[in-house]
Amino acid sequence: MQILQVKKELVLTSRLEGLGHLPIKALVSQTGEVLVAMDPVGTKLGDWVFTIANSAARDAAGDKRLLTDLTVGGIIDDWQPEQK
């Protein structure tokens, strides 16, 4: 699992059937790495979230048939990232 911040909702005008219809969010790590994840929990911009990766991400998205490697598992309340 990773802790990431929601930066943007991606709008997909066309998608593979295997991606389903969950919202897709761009997330950023504290080091600036950008990742993309399915969002079954309904996050908003700026939320800090924890993610579930790899094969478990499909279960977390709610359907083992969905094509995803990263899914938002929950919103973290009152998270203060470490300052470098």
PDB file of N, CA and C in Angstrom:
ATOM      1  N   MET A   1       0.839  -1.185   0.000  1.00  0.00           N
ATOM      2  CA  MET A   1       0.000   0.000   0.000  1.00  0.00           C
ATOM      3  C   MET A   1       0.878   1.241   0.000  1.00  0.00           C
ATOM      4  N   GLN A   2       0.352   2.275  -0.602  1.00  0.00           N
ATOM      5  CA  GLN A   2       1.027   3.571  -0.621  1.00  0.00           C
ATOM      6  C   GLN A   2       0.052   4.650  -0.174  1.00  0.00           C
ATOM      7  N   ILE A   3       0.601   5.727   0.364  1.00  0.00           N
ATOM      8  CA  ILE A   3      -0.198   6.899   0.671  1.00  0.00           C
ATOM      9  C   ILE A   3       0.089   7.928  -0.415  1.00  0.00           C
ATOM     10  N   LEU A   4      -0.973   8.394  -1.080  1.00  0.00           N
ATOM     11  CA  LEU A   4      -0.856   9.311  -2.213  1.00  0.00           C
ATOM     12  C   LEU A   4      -1.897  10.413  -2.084  1.00  0.00           C
ATOM     13  N   GLN A   5      -1.708  11.492  -2.847  1.00  0.00           N
ATOM     14  CA  GLN A   5      -2.670  12.592  -2.839  1.00  0.00           C
ATOM     15  C   GLN A   5      -3.365  12.688  -4.194  1.00  0.00           C
ATOM     16  N   VAL A   6      -4.678  12.906  -4.148  1.00  0.00           N
ATOM     17  CA  VAL A   6      -5.460  13.030  -5.374  1.00  0.00           C
ATOM     18  C   VAL A   6      -5.164  14.386  -6.007  1.00  0.00           C
ATOM     19  N   LYS A   7      -4.740  14.363  -7.285  1.00  0.00           N
ATOM     20  CA  LYS A   7      -4.408  15.601  -7.983  1.00  0.00           C
ATOM     21  C   LYS A   7      -5.410  15.964  -9.063  1.00  0.00           C
ATOM     22  N   LYS A   8      -6.031  14.958  -9.700  1.00  0.00           N
ATOM     23  CA  LYS A   8      -6.916  15.273 -10.817  1.00  0.00           C
ATOM     24  C   LYS A   8      -7.801  14.078 -11.144  1.00  0.00           C
ATOM     25  N   GLU A   9      -9.034  14.374 -11.580  1.00  0.00           N
ATOM     26  CA  GLU A   9      -9.881  13.318 -12.128  1.00  0.00           C
ATOM     27  C   GLU A   9      -9.668  13.286 -13.631  1.00  0.00           C
ATOM     28  N   LEU A  10      -9.436  12.111 -14.163  1.00  0.00           N
ATOM     29  CA  LEU A  10      -9.222  11.967 -15.596  1.00  0.00           C
ATOM     30  C   LEU A  10     -10.546  11.669 -16.272  1.00  0.00           C
ATOM     31  N   VAL A  11     -10.814  12.337 -17.384  1.00  0.00           N
ATOM     32  CA  VAL A  11     -12.033  12.113 -18.152  1.00  0.00           C
ATOM     33  C   VAL A  11     -11.661  11.257 -19.351  1.00  0.00           C
ATOM     34  N   LEU A  12     -12.272  10.076 -19.442  1.00  0.00           N
ATOM     35  CA  LEU A  12     -11.999   9.155 -20.537  1.00  0.00           C
ATOM     36  C   LEU A  12     -13.214   9.120 -21.458  1.00  0.00           C
ATOM     37  N   THR A  13     -13.071   9.616 -22.660  1.00  0.00           N
ATOM     38  CA  THR A  13     -14.203   9.631 -23.587  1.00  0.00           C
ATOM     39  C   THR A  13     -14.458   8.254 -24.189  1.00  0.00           C
ATOM     40  N   SER A  14     -13.481   7.400 -24.114  1.00  0.00           N
ATOM     41  CA  SER A  14     -13.624   6.040 -24.619  1.00  0.00           C
ATOM     42  C   SER A  14     -12.730   5.143 -23.775  1.00  0.00           C
ATOM     43  N   ARG A  15     -13.228   3.961 -23.400  1.00  0.00           N
ATOM     44  CA  ARG A  15     -12.411   3.033 -22.628  1.00  0.00           C
ATOM     45  C   ARG A  15     -12.702   1.597 -23.012  1.00  0.00           C
ATOM     46  N   LEU A  16     -11.760   0.752 -22.705  1.00  0.00           N
ATOM     47  CA  LEU A  16     -11.963  -0.678 -22.904  1.00  0.00           C
ATOM     48  C   LEU A  16     -13.079  -1.153 -21.991  1.00  0.00           C
ATOM     49  N   GLU A  17     -13.823  -2.136 -22.432  1.00  0.00           N
ATOM     50  CA  GLU A  17     -14.913  -2.674 -21.622  1.00  0.00           C
ATOM     51  C   GLU A  17     -14.404  -3.155 -20.263  1.00  0.00           C
ATOM     52  N   GLY A  18     -13.204  -3.708 -20.235  1.00  0.00           N
ATOM     53  CA  GLY A  18     -12.638  -4.244 -19.002  1.00  0.00           C
ATOM     54  C   GLY A  18     -12.285  -3.199 -17.962  1.00  0.00           C
ATOM     55  N   LEU A  19     -12.360  -1.917 -18.306  1.00  0.00           N
ATOM     56  CA  LEU A  19     -12.086  -0.858 -17.329  1.00  0.00           C
ATOM     57  C   LEU A  19     -13.323  -0.459 -16.543  1.00  0.00           C
ATOM     58  N   GLY A  20     -14.477  -0.955 -16.941  1.00  0.00           N
ATOM     59  CA  GLY A  20     -15.696  -0.612 -16.219  1.00  0.00           C
ATOM     60  C   GLY A  20     -15.996   0.877 -16.294  1.00  0.00           C
ATOM     61  N   HIS A  21     -16.709   1.379 -15.287  1.00  0.00           N
ATOM     62  CA  HIS A  21     -17.128   2.789 -15.300  1.00  0.00           C
ATOM     63  C   HIS A  21     -16.776   3.539 -14.026  1.00  0.00           C
ATOM     64  N   LEU A  22     -15.822   3.019 -13.252  1.00  0.00           N
ATOM     65  CA  LEU A  22     -15.378   3.736 -12.058  1.00  0.00           C
ATOM     66  C   LEU A  22     -14.593   4.981 -12.450  1.00  0.00           C
ATOM     67  N   PRO A  23     -14.651   6.025 -11.613  1.00  0.00           N
ATOM     68  CA  PRO A  23     -13.819   7.201 -11.877  1.00  0.00           C
ATOM     69  C   PRO A  23     -12.339   6.821 -11.841  1.00  0.00           C
ATOM     70  N   ILE A  24     -11.555   7.517 -12.648  1.00  0.00           N
ATOM     71  CA  ILE A  24     -10.112   7.309 -12.703  1.00  0.00           C
ATOM     72  C   ILE A  24      -9.449   8.592 -12.201  1.00  0.00           C
ATOM     73  N   LYS A  25      -8.530   8.458 -11.243  1.00  0.00           N
ATOM     74  CA  LYS A  25      -7.880   9.623 -10.640  1.00  0.00           C
ATOM     75  C   LYS A  25      -6.370   9.578 -10.856  1.00  0.00           C
ATOM     76  N   ALA A  26      -5.785  10.750 -11.077  1.00  0.00           N
ATOM     77  CA  ALA A  26      -4.333  10.902 -11.089  1.00  0.00           C
ATOM     78  C   ALA A  26      -3.910  11.203  -9.655  1.00  0.00           C
ATOM     79  N   LEU A  27      -2.960  10.429  -9.165  1.00  0.00           N
ATOM     80  CA  LEU A  27      -2.471  10.562  -7.793  1.00  0.00           C
ATOM     81  C   LEU A  27      -0.995  10.895  -7.835  1.00  0.00           C
ATOM     82  N   VAL A  28      -0.518  11.580  -6.817  1.00  0.00           N
ATOM     83  CA  VAL A  28       0.901  11.926  -6.756  1.00  0.00           C
ATOM     84  C   VAL A  28       1.468  11.508  -5.398  1.00  0.00           C
ATOM     85  N   SER A  29       2.688  10.980  -5.433  1.00  0.00           N
ATOM     86  CA  SER A  29       3.369  10.587  -4.195  1.00  0.00           C
ATOM     87  C   SER A  29       4.067  11.803  -3.598  1.00  0.00           C
ATOM     88  N   GLN A  30       4.584  11.637  -2.401  1.00  0.00           N
ATOM     89  CA  GLN A  30       5.295  12.738  -1.742  1.00  0.00           C
ATOM     90  C   GLN A  30       6.593  13.073  -2.464  1.00  0.00           C
ATOM     91  N   THR A  31       7.094  12.149  -3.301  1.00  0.00           N
ATOM     92  CA  THR A  31       8.315  12.395  -4.072  1.00  0.00           C
ATOM     93  C   THR A  31       8.008  12.955  -5.454  1.00  0.00           C
ATOM     94  N   GLY A  32       6.717  13.110  -5.800  1.00  0.00           N
ATOM     95  CA  GLY A  32       6.331  13.683  -7.079  1.00  0.00           C
ATOM     96  C   GLY A  32       5.972  12.676  -8.161  1.00  0.00           C
ATOM     97  N   GLU A  33       6.054  11.394  -7.856  1.00  0.00           N
ATOM     98  CA  GLU A  33       5.694  10.362  -8.825  1.00  0.00           C
ATOM     99  C   GLU A  33       4.186  10.405  -9.077  1.00  0.00           C
ATOM    100  N   VAL A  34       3.768  10.340 -10.337  1.00  0.00           N
ATOM    101  CA  VAL A  34       2.356  10.373 -10.693  1.00  0.00           C
ATOM    102  C   VAL A  34       1.891   8.962 -11.026  1.00  0.00           C
ATOM    103  N   LEU A  35       0.766   8.561 -10.431  1.00  0.00           N
ATOM    104  CA  LEU A  35       0.166   7.258 -10.679  1.00  0.00           C
ATOM    105  C   LEU A  35      -1.303   7.450 -11.004  1.00  0.00           C
ATOM    106  N   VAL A  36      -1.899   6.444 -11.624  1.00  0.00           N
ATOM    107  CA  VAL A  36      -3.313   6.500 -11.985  1.00  0.00           C
ATOM    108  C   VAL A  36      -4.010   5.329 -11.320  1.00  0.00           C
ATOM    109  N   ALA A  37      -5.195   5.587 -10.719  1.00  0.00           N
ATOM    110  CA  ALA A  37      -5.917   4.547  -9.991  1.00  0.00           C
ATOM    111  C   ALA A  37      -7.420   4.661 -10.203  1.00  0.00           C
ATOM    112  N   MET A  38      -8.098   3.529 -10.078  1.00  0.00           N
ATOM    113  CA  MET A  38      -9.559   3.527 -10.041  1.00  0.00           C
ATOM    114  C   MET A  38      -9.994   4.016  -8.669  1.00  0.00           C
ATOM    115  N   ASP A  39     -11.134   4.695  -8.629  1.00  0.00           N
ATOM    116  CA  ASP A  39     -11.600   5.307  -7.375  1.00  0.00           C
ATOM    117  C   ASP A  39     -13.032   4.870  -7.050  1.00  0.00           C
ATOM    118  N   PRO A  40     -13.198   3.748  -6.357  1.00  0.00           N
ATOM    119  CA  PRO A  40     -14.544   3.321  -5.983  1.00  0.00           C
ATOM    120  C   PRO A  40     -15.094   4.012  -4.734  1.00  0.00           C
ATOM    121  N   VAL A  41     -14.260   4.814  -4.040  1.00  0.00           N
ATOM    122  CA  VAL A  41     -14.703   5.417  -2.779  1.00  0.00           C
ATOM    123  C   VAL A  41     -15.171   6.861  -2.905  1.00  0.00           C
ATOM    124  N   GLY A  42     -14.915   7.522  -4.044  1.00  0.00           N
ATOM    125  CA  GLY A  42     -15.410   8.881  -4.231  1.00  0.00           C
ATOM    126  C   GLY A  42     -14.539   9.955  -3.633  1.00  0.00           C
ATOM    127  N   THR A  43     -13.269   9.957  -3.963  1.00  0.00           N
ATOM    128  CA  THR A  43     -12.360  10.977  -3.441  1.00  0.00           C
ATOM    129  C   THR A  43     -12.573  12.317  -4.143  1.00  0.00           C
ATOM    130  N   LYS A  44     -12.021  13.352  -3.527  1.00  0.00           N
ATOM    131  CA  LYS A  44     -12.039  14.678  -4.166  1.00  0.00           C
ATOM    132  C   LYS A  44     -10.603  15.191  -4.237  1.00  0.00           C
ATOM    133  N   LEU A  45     -10.388  16.213  -5.034  1.00  0.00           N
ATOM    134  CA  LEU A  45      -9.050  16.767  -5.200  1.00  0.00           C
ATOM    135  C   LEU A  45      -8.459  17.177  -3.853  1.00  0.00           C
ATOM    136  N   GLY A  46      -7.203  16.824  -3.654  1.00  0.00           N
ATOM    137  CA  GLY A  46      -6.511  17.171  -2.414  1.00  0.00           C
ATOM    138  C   GLY A  46      -6.578  16.116  -1.334  1.00  0.00           C
ATOM    139  N   ASP A  47      -7.492  15.157  -1.446  1.00  0.00           N
ATOM    140  CA  ASP A  47      -7.581  14.090  -0.443  1.00  0.00           C
ATOM    141  C   ASP A  47      -6.303  13.266  -0.419  1.00  0.00           C
ATOM    142  N   TRP A  48      -5.910  12.853   0.774  1.00  0.00           N
ATOM    143  CA  TRP A  48      -4.844  11.871   0.930  1.00  0.00           C
ATOM    144  C   TRP A  48      -5.517  10.519   1.036  1.00  0.00           C
ATOM    145  N   VAL A  49      -4.998   9.545   0.288  1.00  0.00           N
ATOM    146  CA  VAL A  49      -5.628   8.229   0.224  1.00  0.00           C
ATOM    147  C   VAL A  49      -4.582   7.132   0.378  1.00  0.00           C
ATOM    148  N   PHE A  50      -5.053   5.930   0.727  1.00  0.00           N
ATOM    149  CA  PHE A  50      -4.162   4.781   0.634  1.00  0.00           C
ATOM    150  C   PHE A  50      -4.635   3.947  -0.539  1.00  0.00           C
ATOM    151  N   THR A  51      -3.694   3.324  -1.202  1.00  0.00           N
ATOM    152  CA  THR A  51      -4.010   2.563  -2.402  1.00  0.00           C
ATOM    153  C   THR A  51      -3.693   1.088  -2.222  1.00  0.00           C
ATOM    154  N   ILE A  52      -4.348   0.296  -3.011  1.00  0.00           N
ATOM    155  CA  ILE A  52      -4.141  -1.148  -3.033  1.00  0.00           C
ATOM    156  C   ILE A  52      -3.653  -1.496  -4.432  1.00  0.00           C
ATOM    157  N   ALA A  53      -2.556  -2.237  -4.507  1.00  0.00           N
ATOM    158  CA  ALA A  53      -1.906  -2.484  -5.796  1.00  0.00           C
ATOM    159  C   ALA A  53      -1.948  -3.953  -6.208  1.00  0.00           C
ATOM    160  N   ASN A  54      -1.555  -4.152  -7.466  1.00  0.00           N
ATOM    161  CA  ASN A  54      -1.384  -5.469  -8.072  1.00  0.00           C
ATOM    162  C   ASN A  54      -2.704  -6.231  -8.161  1.00  0.00           C
ATOM    163  N   SER A  55      -2.691  -7.539  -7.988  1.00  0.00           N
ATOM    164  CA  SER A  55      -3.913  -8.325  -8.185  1.00  0.00           C
ATOM    165  C   SER A  55      -4.994  -7.988  -7.155  1.00  0.00           C
ATOM    166  N   ALA A  56      -4.612  -7.548  -5.962  1.00  0.00           N
ATOM    167  CA  ALA A  56      -5.591  -7.164  -4.942  1.00  0.00           C
ATOM    168  C   ALA A  56      -6.365  -5.915  -5.356  1.00  0.00           C
ATOM    169  N   ALA A  57      -5.806  -5.117  -6.270  1.00  0.00           N
ATOM    170  CA  ALA A  57      -6.480  -3.894  -6.734  1.00  0.00           C
ATOM    171  C   ALA A  57      -7.783  -4.230  -7.443  1.00  0.00           C
ATOM    172  N   ARG A  58      -7.827  -5.365  -8.119  1.00  0.00           N
ATOM    173  CA  ARG A  58      -9.061  -5.766  -8.809  1.00  0.00           C
ATOM    174  C   ARG A  58     -10.163  -6.067  -7.801  1.00  0.00           C
ATOM    175  N   ASP A  59      -9.817  -6.789  -6.742  1.00  0.00           N
ATOM    176  CA  ASP A  59     -10.805  -7.061  -5.688  1.00  0.00           C
ATOM    177  C   ASP A  59     -11.264  -5.762  -5.035  1.00  0.00           C
ATOM    178  N   ALA A  60     -10.322  -4.863  -4.776  1.00  0.00           N
ATOM    179  CA  ALA A  60     -10.659  -3.592  -4.124  1.00  0.00           C
ATOM    180  C   ALA A  60     -11.566  -2.736  -5.007  1.00  0.00           C
ATOM    181  N   ALA A  61     -11.445  -2.877  -6.315  1.00  0.00           N
ATOM    182  CA  ALA A  61     -12.293  -2.120  -7.240  1.00  0.00           C
ATOM    183  C   ALA A  61     -13.709  -2.679  -7.289  1.00  0.00           C
ATOM    184  N   GLY A  62     -13.902  -3.874  -6.739  1.00  0.00           N
ATOM    185  CA  GLY A  62     -15.241  -4.441  -6.655  1.00  0.00           C
ATOM    186  C   GLY A  62     -15.570  -5.498  -7.693  1.00  0.00           C
ATOM    187  N   ASP A  63     -14.615  -5.806  -8.581  1.00  0.00           N
ATOM    188  CA  ASP A  63     -14.873  -6.793  -9.623  1.00  0.00           C
ATOM    189  C   ASP A  63     -13.541  -7.330 -10.120  1.00  0.00           C
ATOM    190  N   LYS A  64     -13.313  -8.615  -9.949  1.00  0.00           N
ATOM    191  CA  LYS A  64     -12.040  -9.227 -10.347  1.00  0.00           C
ATOM    192  C   LYS A  64     -11.784  -9.131 -11.847  1.00  0.00           C
ATOM    193  N   ARG A  65     -12.812  -8.828 -12.618  1.00  0.00           N
ATOM    194  CA  ARG A  65     -12.645  -8.737 -14.078  1.00  0.00           C
ATOM    195  C   ARG A  65     -12.120  -7.372 -14.535  1.00  0.00           C
ATOM    196  N   LEU A  66     -12.123  -6.380 -13.651  1.00  0.00           N
ATOM    197  CA  LEU A  66     -11.647  -5.040 -14.027  1.00  0.00           C
ATOM    198  C   LEU A  66     -10.137  -5.050 -14.254  1.00  0.00           C
ATOM    199  N   LEU A  67      -9.719  -4.315 -15.256  1.00  0.00           N
ATOM    200  CA  LEU A  67      -8.305  -4.234 -15.609  1.00  0.00           C
ATOM    201  C   LEU A  67      -7.664  -3.065 -14.875  1.00  0.00           C
ATOM    202  N   THR A  68      -7.139  -3.334 -13.701  1.00  0.00           N
ATOM    203  CA  THR A  68      -6.479  -2.286 -12.927  1.00  0.00           C
ATOM    204  C   THR A  68      -5.342  -2.873 -12.107  1.00  0.00           C
ATOM    205  N   ASP A  69      -4.307  -2.072 -11.916  1.00  0.00           N
ATOM    206  CA  ASP A  69      -3.192  -2.430 -11.046  1.00  0.00           C
ATOM    207  C   ASP A  69      -3.158  -1.576  -9.786  1.00  0.00           C
ATOM    208  N   LEU A  70      -4.050  -0.554  -9.726  1.00  0.00           N
ATOM    209  CA  LEU A  70      -4.052   0.342  -8.575  1.00  0.00           C
ATOM    210  C   LEU A  70      -5.465   0.846  -8.316  1.00  0.00           C
ATOM    211  N   THR A  71      -5.904   0.716  -7.064  1.00  0.00           N
ATOM    212  CA  THR A  71      -7.244   1.145  -6.664  1.00  0.00           C
ATOM    213  C   THR A  71      -7.152   1.907  -5.348  1.00  0.00           C
ATOM    214  N   VAL A  72      -7.923   2.989  -5.239  1.00  0.00           N
ATOM    215  CA  VAL A  72      -8.011   3.725  -3.982  1.00  0.00           C
ATOM    216  C   VAL A  72      -8.783   2.859  -2.987  1.00  0.00           C
ATOM    217  N   GLY A  73      -8.195   2.647  -1.814  1.00  0.00           N
ATOM    218  CA  GLY A  73      -8.825   1.818  -0.788  1.00  0.00           C
ATOM    219  C   GLY A  73      -9.555   2.628   0.270  1.00  0.00           C
ATOM    220  N   GLY A  74      -9.171   3.887   0.449  1.00  0.00           N
ATOM    221  CA  GLY A  74      -9.828   4.716   1.454  1.00  0.00           C
ATOM    222  C   GLY A  74      -9.218   6.094   1.532  1.00  0.00           C
ATOM    223  N   ILE A  75      -9.963   7.001   2.142  1.00  0.00           N
ATOM    224  CA  ILE A  75      -9.524   8.384   2.336  1.00  0.00           C
ATOM    225  C   ILE A  75      -8.967   8.503   3.750  1.00  0.00           C
ATOM    226  N   ILE A  76      -7.808   9.127   3.870  1.00  0.00           N
ATOM    227  CA  ILE A  76      -7.160   9.289   5.172  1.00  0.00           C
ATOM    228  C   ILE A  76      -7.559  10.648   5.746  1.00  0.00           C
ATOM    229  N   ASP A  77      -8.105  10.637   6.946  1.00  0.00           N
ATOM    230  CA  ASP A  77      -8.461  11.886   7.625  1.00  0.00           C
ATOM    231  C   ASP A  77      -7.241  12.430   8.361  1.00  0.00           C
ATOM    232  N   ASP A  78      -7.052  13.742   8.283  1.00  0.00           N
ATOM    233  CA  ASP A  78      -6.030  14.439   9.054  1.00  0.00           C
ATOM    234  C   ASP A  78      -4.622  13.896   8.824  1.00  0.00           C
ATOM    235  N   TRP A  79      -4.229  13.722   7.578  1.00  0.00           N
ATOM    236  CA  TRP A  79      -2.874  13.259   7.247  1.00  0.00           C
ATOM    237  C   TRP A  79      -1.981  14.468   7.024  1.00  0.00           C
ATOM    238  N   GLN A  80      -0.863  14.492   7.703  1.00  0.00           N
ATOM    239  CA  GLN A  80       0.132  15.546   7.529  1.00  0.00           C
ATOM    240  C   GLN A  80       1.412  14.881   7.003  1.00  0.00           C
ATOM    241  N   PRO A  81       1.706  15.079   5.714  1.00  0.00           N
ATOM    242  CA  PRO A  81       2.910  14.458   5.158  1.00  0.00           C
ATOM    243  C   PRO A  81       4.167  15.003   5.818  1.00  0.00           C
ATOM    244  N   GLU A  82       5.191  14.161   5.859  1.00  0.00           N
ATOM    245  CA  GLU A  82       6.468  14.583   6.428  1.00  0.00           C
ATOM    246  C   GLU A  82       7.105  15.630   5.526  1.00  0.00           C
ATOM    247  N   GLN A  83       7.636  16.668   6.133  1.00  0.00           N
ATOM    248  CA  GLN A  83       8.320  17.717   5.376  1.00  0.00           C
ATOM    249  C   GLN A  83       9.794  17.366   5.257  1.00  0.00           C
ATOM    250  N   LYS A  84      10.326  17.543   4.057  1.00  0.00           N
ATOM    251  CA  LYS A  84      11.757  17.241   3.846  1.00  0.00           C
ATOM    252  C   LYS A  84      12.564  18.499   3.805  1.00  0.00           C
TER     253      LYS A  84
END
